[in-house]
C-alpha atoms as a PDB file:
ATOM      1  CA  UNK A   1     -32.220  36.986  12.644  1.00  0.00           C
ATOM      2  CA  UNK A   2     -29.795  39.593  11.827  1.00  0.00           C
ATOM      3  CA  UNK A   3     -26.414  39.830  14.271  1.00  0.00           C
ATOM      4  CA  UNK A   4     -26.738  42.633  16.687  1.00  0.00           C
ATOM      5  CA  UNK A   5     -24.387  45.617  15.985  1.00  0.00           C
ATOM      6  CA  UNK A   6     -20.354  45.111  16.750  1.00  0.00           C
ATOM      7  CA  UNK A   7     -20.919  41.122  17.052  1.00  0.00           C
ATOM      8  CA  UNK A   8     -17.508  40.704  14.251  1.00  0.00           C
ATOM      9  CA  UNK A   9     -15.731  43.173  15.933  1.00  0.00           C
ATOM     10  CA  UNK A  10     -16.330  40.778  19.470  1.00  0.00           C
ATOM     11  CA  UNK A  11     -15.735  37.836  17.565  1.00  0.00           C
ATOM     12  CA  UNK A  12     -12.450  39.349  16.335  1.00  0.00           C
ATOM     13  CA  UNK A  13     -11.863  40.591  19.618  1.00  0.00           C
ATOM     14  CA  UNK A  14     -12.147  36.700  21.139  1.00  0.00           C
ATOM     15  CA  UNK A  15      -9.844  35.724  18.986  1.00  0.00           C
ATOM     16  CA  UNK A  16      -7.041  37.549  19.267  1.00  0.00           C
ATOM     17  CA  UNK A  17      -7.365  37.314  23.269  1.00  0.00           C
ATOM     18  CA  UNK A  18      -7.169  33.168  22.576  1.00  0.00           C
ATOM     19  CA  UNK A  19      -4.232  33.904  20.737  1.00  0.00           C
ATOM     20  CA  UNK A  20      -2.832  36.109  23.363  1.00  0.00           C
ATOM     21  CA  UNK A  21      -2.531  33.622  26.212  1.00  0.00           C
ATOM     22  CA  UNK A  22      -0.860  31.103  23.765  1.00  0.00           C
ATOM     23  CA  UNK A  23       2.687  30.409  23.857  1.00  0.00           C
ATOM     24  CA  UNK A  24       4.426  31.528  20.919  1.00  0.00           C
ATOM     25  CA  UNK A  25       6.392  28.949  18.822  1.00  0.00           C
ATOM     26  CA  UNK A  26       8.996  30.660  16.307  1.00  0.00           C
ATOM     27  CA  UNK A  27      11.753  28.406  14.306  1.00  0.00           C
ATOM     28  CA  UNK A  28      14.946  29.947  14.887  1.00  0.00           C
ATOM     29  CA  UNK A  29      15.685  29.544  11.085  1.00  0.00           C
ATOM     30  CA  UNK A  30      18.501  29.010   9.714  1.00  0.00           C
ATOM     31  CA  UNK A  31      20.029  27.768  12.995  1.00  0.00           C
ATOM     32  CA  UNK A  32      16.980  25.180  13.372  1.00  0.00           C
ATOM     33  CA  UNK A  33      15.825  23.703   9.646  1.00  0.00           C
ATOM     34  CA  UNK A  34      11.850  23.602   9.184  1.00  0.00           C
ATOM     35  CA  UNK A  35      10.259  20.626   9.318  1.00  0.00           C
ATOM     36  CA  UNK A  36       9.381  20.237   5.356  1.00  0.00           C
ATOM     37  CA  UNK A  37       6.397  18.152   4.385  1.00  0.00           C
ATOM     38  CA  UNK A  38       7.538  14.709   2.060  1.00  0.00           C
ATOM     39  CA  UNK A  39       6.295  16.382  -1.082  1.00  0.00           C
ATOM     40  CA  UNK A  40       7.603  19.784  -0.860  1.00  0.00           C
ATOM     41  CA  UNK A  41       8.549  20.973  -4.239  1.00  0.00           C
ATOM     42  CA  UNK A  42      11.986  22.695  -3.386  1.00  0.00           C
ATOM     43  CA  UNK A  43      14.440  22.360  -6.679  1.00  0.00           C
ATOM     44  CA  UNK A  44      14.270  19.613  -9.341  1.00  0.00           C
ATOM     45  CA  UNK A  45      16.623  17.338 -10.009  1.00  0.00           C
ATOM     46  CA  UNK A  46      17.709  15.385 -12.678  1.00  0.00           C
ATOM     47  CA  UNK A  47      18.449  11.504 -13.143  1.00  0.00           C
ATOM     48  CA  UNK A  48      20.413  11.675 -16.539  1.00  0.00           C
ATOM     49  CA  UNK A  49      20.810   8.031 -16.822  1.00  0.00           C
ATOM     50  CA  UNK A  50      16.966   7.879 -17.981  1.00  0.00           C
ATOM     51  CA  UNK A  51      16.753  10.590 -20.183  1.00  0.00           C
ATOM     52  CA  UNK A  52      15.638   9.926 -23.290  1.00  0.00           C
ATOM     53  CA  UNK A  53      15.678  13.595 -24.715  1.00  0.00           C
ATOM     54  CA  UNK A  54      12.256  13.161 -25.895  1.00  0.00           C
ATOM     55  CA  UNK A  55      11.462  16.878 -25.078  1.00  0.00           C
ATOM     56  CA  UNK A  56       8.053  16.389 -23.499  1.00  0.00           C
ATOM     57  CA  UNK A  57       9.452  18.448 -20.294  1.00  0.00           C
ATOM     58  CA  UNK A  58      10.712  21.261 -22.627  1.00  0.00           C
ATOM     59  CA  UNK A  59       7.695  21.189 -24.951  1.00  0.00           C
ATOM     60  CA  UNK A  60       5.366  21.482 -21.920  1.00  0.00           C
ATOM     61  CA  UNK A  61       6.770  23.831 -19.714  1.00  0.00           C
ATOM     62  CA  UNK A  62       4.484  27.155 -19.772  1.00  0.00           C
ATOM     63  CA  UNK A  63       7.280  29.304 -18.643  1.00  0.00           C
ATOM     64  CA  UNK A  64       9.518  27.719 -21.251  1.00  0.00           C
ATOM     65  CA  UNK A  65      12.690  27.878 -18.699  1.00  0.00           C
ATOM     66  CA  UNK A  66      14.343  24.084 -19.617  1.00  0.00           C
ATOM     67  CA  UNK A  67      16.714  23.954 -22.661  1.00  0.00           C
ATOM     68  CA  UNK A  68      17.849  20.578 -24.204  1.00  0.00           C
ATOM     69  CA  UNK A  69      20.555  20.112 -26.185  1.00  0.00           C
ATOM     70  CA  UNK A  70      20.967  17.227 -28.222  1.00  0.00           C
ATOM     71  CA  UNK A  71      22.340  15.224 -30.929  1.00  0.00           C
ATOM     72  CA  UNK A  72      22.142  11.549 -32.340  1.00  0.00           C
ATOM     73  CA  UNK A  73      24.681   8.870 -32.630  1.00  0.00           C
ATOM     74  CA  UNK A  74      24.824   5.760 -34.980  1.00  0.00           C
ATOM     75  CA  UNK A  75      24.431   2.523 -32.594  1.00  0.00           C
ATOM     76  CA  UNK A  76      25.937  -0.715 -34.471  1.00  0.00           C
ATOM     77  CA  UNK A  77      23.811  -3.762 -35.104  1.00  0.00           C
ATOM     78  CA  UNK A  78      23.173  -5.859 -31.862  1.00  0.00           C
ATOM     79  CA  UNK A  79      23.991  -8.785 -34.135  1.00  0.00           C
ATOM     80  CA  UNK A  80      25.519  -9.409 -37.349  1.00  0.00           C
ATOM     81  CA  UNK A  81      23.452  -9.290 -40.303  1.00  0.00           C
ATOM     82  CA  UNK A  82      21.200  -6.128 -38.198  1.00  0.00           C
ATOM     83  CA  UNK A  83      20.827  -2.600 -39.077  1.00  0.00           C
ATOM     84  CA  UNK A  84      22.179   0.261 -37.523  1.00  0.00           C
ATOM     85  CA  UNK A  85      19.834   2.415 -35.130  1.00  0.00           C
ATOM     86  CA  UNK A  86      20.197   6.037 -34.270  1.00  0.00           C
ATOM     87  CA  UNK A  87      19.848   7.279 -30.665  1.00  0.00           C
ATOM     88  CA  UNK A  88      19.615  10.738 -28.701  1.00  0.00           C
ATOM     89  CA  UNK A  89      22.638  12.001 -26.769  1.00  0.00           C
ATOM     90  CA  UNK A  90      21.912  14.686 -24.728  1.00  0.00           C
ATOM     91  CA  UNK A  91      24.203  17.339 -24.994  1.00  0.00           C
ATOM     92  CA  UNK A  92      22.549  19.880 -22.247  1.00  0.00           C
ATOM     93  CA  UNK A  93      20.130  19.924 -19.865  1.00  0.00           C
ATOM     94  CA  UNK A  94      19.785  22.954 -17.971  1.00  0.00           C
ATOM     95  CA  UNK A  95      16.520  24.983 -16.179  1.00  0.00           C
ATOM     96  CA  UNK A  96      16.408  28.242 -15.135  1.00  0.00           C
ATOM     97  CA  UNK A  97      14.877  29.038 -11.916  1.00  0.00           C
ATOM     98  CA  UNK A  98      14.423  32.610 -12.112  1.00  0.00           C
ATOM     99  CA  UNK A  99      11.925  31.397 -14.747  1.00  0.00           C
ATOM    100  CA  UNK A 100      10.559  28.662 -12.824  1.00  0.00           C
ATOM    101  CA  UNK A 101       7.429  28.417 -11.078  1.00  0.00           C
ATOM    102  CA  UNK A 102       6.968  25.170  -9.761  1.00  0.00           C
ATOM    103  CA  UNK A 103       4.217  23.256 -10.977  1.00  0.00           C
ATOM    104  CA  UNK A 104       5.452  20.266 -11.285  1.00  0.00           C
ATOM    105  CA  UNK A 105       4.461  19.637 -15.001  1.00  0.00           C
ATOM    106  CA  UNK A 106       8.063  18.632 -16.700  1.00  0.00           C
ATOM    107  CA  UNK A 107       7.934  15.578 -13.701  1.00  0.00           C
ATOM    108  CA  UNK A 108       4.929  14.545 -14.134  1.00  0.00           C
ATOM    109  CA  UNK A 109       4.647  14.762 -17.933  1.00  0.00           C
ATOM    110  CA  UNK A 110       8.500  12.989 -18.143  1.00  0.00           C
ATOM    111  CA  UNK A 111       7.318   9.270 -18.839  1.00  0.00           C
ATOM    112  CA  UNK A 112      10.907   7.622 -17.836  1.00  0.00           C
ATOM    113  CA  UNK A 113      11.653   9.056 -14.544  1.00  0.00           C
ATOM    114  CA  UNK A 114      14.435  11.561 -15.174  1.00  0.00           C
ATOM    115  CA  UNK A 115      13.162  14.605 -13.136  1.00  0.00           C
ATOM    116  CA  UNK A 116      12.251  14.394  -9.330  1.00  0.00           C
ATOM    117  CA  UNK A 117      11.137  16.986  -6.840  1.00  0.00           C
ATOM    118  CA  UNK A 118      14.014  17.800  -4.303  1.00  0.00           C
ATOM    119  CA  UNK A 119      13.039  19.791  -0.490  1.00  0.00           C
ATOM    120  CA  UNK A 120      16.050  21.806  -0.672  1.00  0.00           C
ATOM    121  CA  UNK A 121      15.383  25.542  -1.296  1.00  0.00           C
ATOM    122  CA  UNK A 122      18.391  27.403  -0.210  1.00  0.00           C
ATOM    123  CA  UNK A 123      19.751  28.180  -3.247  1.00  0.00           C
ATOM    124  CA  UNK A 124      19.745  31.835  -3.288  1.00  0.00           C
ATOM    125  CA  UNK A 125      22.021  34.042  -5.707  1.00  0.00           C
ATOM    126  CA  UNK A 126      22.942  37.161  -5.831  1.00  0.00           C
ATOM    127  CA  UNK A 127      23.601  36.671  -9.505  1.00  0.00           C
ATOM    128  CA  UNK A 128      20.556  35.737 -11.657  1.00  0.00           C
ATOM    129  CA  UNK A 129      22.608  34.310 -14.249  1.00  0.00           C
ATOM    130  CA  UNK A 130      23.676  31.629 -11.634  1.00  0.00           C
ATOM    131  CA  UNK A 131      19.963  30.598 -11.494  1.00  0.00           C
ATOM    132  CA  UNK A 132      19.940  28.485 -14.383  1.00  0.00           C
ATOM    133  CA  UNK A 133      21.318  25.130 -13.221  1.00  0.00           C
ATOM    134  CA  UNK A 134      23.064  23.068 -15.924  1.00  0.00           C
ATOM    135  CA  UNK A 135      22.860  18.809 -15.752  1.00  0.00           C
ATOM    136  CA  UNK A 136      25.684  18.740 -13.626  1.00  0.00           C
ATOM    137  CA  UNK A 137      24.287  21.059 -11.075  1.00  0.00           C
ATOM    138  CA  UNK A 138      20.683  19.338 -11.680  1.00  0.00           C
ATOM    139  CA  UNK A 139      22.298  15.636 -10.763  1.00  0.00           C
ATOM    140  CA  UNK A 140      23.955  17.039  -7.453  1.00  0.00           C
ATOM    141  CA  UNK A 141      20.314  18.067  -6.420  1.00  0.00           C
ATOM    142  CA  UNK A 142      19.285  14.180  -6.730  1.00  0.00           C
ATOM    143  CA  UNK A 143      21.314  12.705  -3.844  1.00  0.00           C
ATOM    144  CA  UNK A 144      19.015  15.219  -2.021  1.00  0.00           C
ATOM    145  CA  UNK A 145      15.750  13.586  -2.980  1.00  0.00           C
ATOM    146  CA  UNK A 146      13.624  11.512  -0.472  1.00  0.00           C
ATOM    147  CA  UNK A 147      13.185   8.175  -0.820  1.00  0.00           C
ATOM    148  CA  UNK A 148       9.588   7.131  -2.063  1.00  0.00           C
ATOM    149  CA  UNK A 149       6.577   6.589   0.860  1.00  0.00           C
ATOM    150  CA  UNK A 150       6.173   3.230   1.518  1.00  0.00           C
ATOM    151  CA  UNK A 151       2.866   1.622  -0.038  1.00  0.00           C
ATOM    152  CA  UNK A 152       0.041   1.229   2.663  1.00  0.00           C
ATOM    153  CA  UNK A 153      -0.590  -2.208   3.966  1.00  0.00           C
ATOM    154  CA  UNK A 154      -3.664  -2.140   3.117  1.00  0.00           C
ATOM    155  CA  UNK A 155      -3.602  -1.168  -0.513  1.00  0.00           C
ATOM    156  CA  UNK A 156      -4.542  -2.994  -3.921  1.00  0.00           C
ATOM    157  CA  UNK A 157      -0.810  -4.361  -4.807  1.00  0.00           C
ATOM    158  CA  UNK A 158       0.251  -2.565  -8.192  1.00  0.00           C
ATOM    159  CA  UNK A 159      -0.659  -4.097 -11.400  1.00  0.00           C
ATOM    160  CA  UNK A 160       2.821  -3.778 -12.993  1.00  0.00           C
ATOM    161  CA  UNK A 161       3.991  -6.594  -9.702  1.00  0.00           C
ATOM    162  CA  UNK A 162       1.082  -8.256 -10.251  1.00  0.00           C
ATOM    163  CA  UNK A 163       1.493  -9.562 -13.419  1.00  0.00           C
ATOM    164  CA  UNK A 164       5.059  -9.913 -13.039  1.00  0.00           C
ATOM    165  CA  UNK A 165       4.898 -12.356 -10.594  1.00  0.00           C
ATOM    166  CA  UNK A 166       2.042 -14.120 -12.147  1.00  0.00           C
ATOM    167  CA  UNK A 167       4.441 -14.854 -14.761  1.00  0.00           C
ATOM    168  CA  UNK A 168       7.180 -15.849 -12.101  1.00  0.00           C
ATOM    169  CA  UNK A 169       4.627 -17.967 -10.627  1.00  0.00           C
ATOM    170  CA  UNK A 170       3.653 -19.455 -13.929  1.00  0.00           C
ATOM    171  CA  UNK A 171       7.410 -19.864 -14.666  1.00  0.00           C
ATOM    172  CA  UNK A 172       8.882 -21.582 -11.319  1.00  0.00           C
ATOM    173  CA  UNK A 173       5.195 -24.032 -11.951  1.00  0.00           C
ATOM    174  CA  UNK A 174       6.853 -24.846 -15.443  1.00  0.00           C
ATOM    175  CA  UNK A 175      10.287 -25.613 -14.389  1.00  0.00           C
ATOM    176  CA  UNK A 176       9.136 -27.969 -11.303  1.00  0.00           C
ATOM    177  CA  UNK A 177       6.926 -29.805 -13.571  1.00  0.00           C
ATOM    178  CA  UNK A 178       9.592 -30.764 -15.958  1.00  0.00           C
ATOM    179  CA  UNK A 179      12.442 -30.866 -13.203  1.00  0.00           C
ATOM    180  CA  UNK A 180       9.419 -33.571 -11.958  1.00  0.00           C
ATOM    181  CA  UNK A 181       8.969 -35.149 -15.174  1.00  0.00           C
ATOM    182  CA  UNK A 182      12.780 -35.900 -15.291  1.00  0.00           C
ATOM    183  CA  UNK A 183      12.678 -37.310 -12.389  1.00  0.00           C
ATOM    184  CA  UNK A 184      10.211 -39.638 -12.946  1.00  0.00           C
ATOM    185  CA  UNK A 185      11.634 -40.568 -16.014  1.00  0.00           C
ATOM    186  CA  UNK A 186      14.954 -41.170 -14.615  1.00  0.00           C
ATOM    187  CA  UNK A 187      13.774 -42.898 -12.044  1.00  0.00           C
ATOM    188  CA  UNK A 188      11.929 -45.582 -14.917  1.00  0.00           C
ATOM    189  CA  UNK A 189      14.798 -45.945 -16.540  1.00  0.00           C
ATOM    190  CA  UNK A 190      16.879 -46.610 -12.864  1.00  0.00           C
ATOM    191  CA  UNK A 191      14.087 -49.386 -12.445  1.00  0.00           C
ATOM    192  CA  UNK A 192      14.148 -50.917 -16.157  1.00  0.00           C
ATOM    193  CA  UNK A 193      17.825 -51.344 -16.001  1.00  0.00           C
ATOM    194  CA  UNK A 194      17.903 -52.951 -12.522  1.00  0.00           C
ATOM    195  CA  UNK A 195      15.022 -55.350 -13.527  1.00  0.00           C
ATOM    196  CA  UNK A 196      16.219 -59.270 -13.653  1.00  0.00           C
ATOM    197  CA  UNK A 197      13.478 -60.328 -15.760  1.00  0.00           C
ATOM    198  CA  UNK A 198      14.259 -57.988 -19.227  1.00  0.00           C
ATOM    199  CA  UNK A 199      16.783 -59.848 -21.275  1.00  0.00           C
ATOM    200  CA  UNK A 200      19.613 -58.311 -21.528  1.00  0.00           C
ATOM    201  CA  UNK A 201      19.506 -57.314 -25.526  1.00  0.00           C
ATOM    202  CA  UNK A 202      15.903 -56.005 -24.451  1.00  0.00           C
ATOM    203  CA  UNK A 203      14.277 -58.839 -26.321  1.00  0.00           C
ATOM    204  CA  UNK A 204      12.864 -61.852 -25.322  1.00  0.00           C
END
């Protein structure tokens, strides 16, 4: 059945009338800060200690707005006779937020959890060049990163934790068995030493 003429207009006016009767709620920003969702994409923070200069974030960035510089250092051997190793040392880590499109690919591909989303969004600048945040500024954003949400109590235990707990239980059981065996040996030796029927030299 075809709708009668003017039905779309009537529906639109009905929505308008319903909205007119509701009380309007306006958040008085910036006097009142908005309540942001927990996974808000505001700015990116850098946890420098976890960065290994693998360059994955810079290579995967669609906008090429991540700039990383590094150099290699020789690490002495950990044990005598060992081989020297070389490691990458981070010199510069910068993100140009005037180019960033907040896709989050850099955070997703980071294998060492060095990049995190912060809900902070008030970092506008009058000079576009100031939107390139160097590693010191990115480190400051880390203090605004919220704690991860709690796990669902009914969720399955992560495999890493389950494996670690299984290993710890095996180690505890082995230690308990060794302690019980040592205690049993000590008791047997004590009983053998206090038995009057055993000759002093141990021979009959």
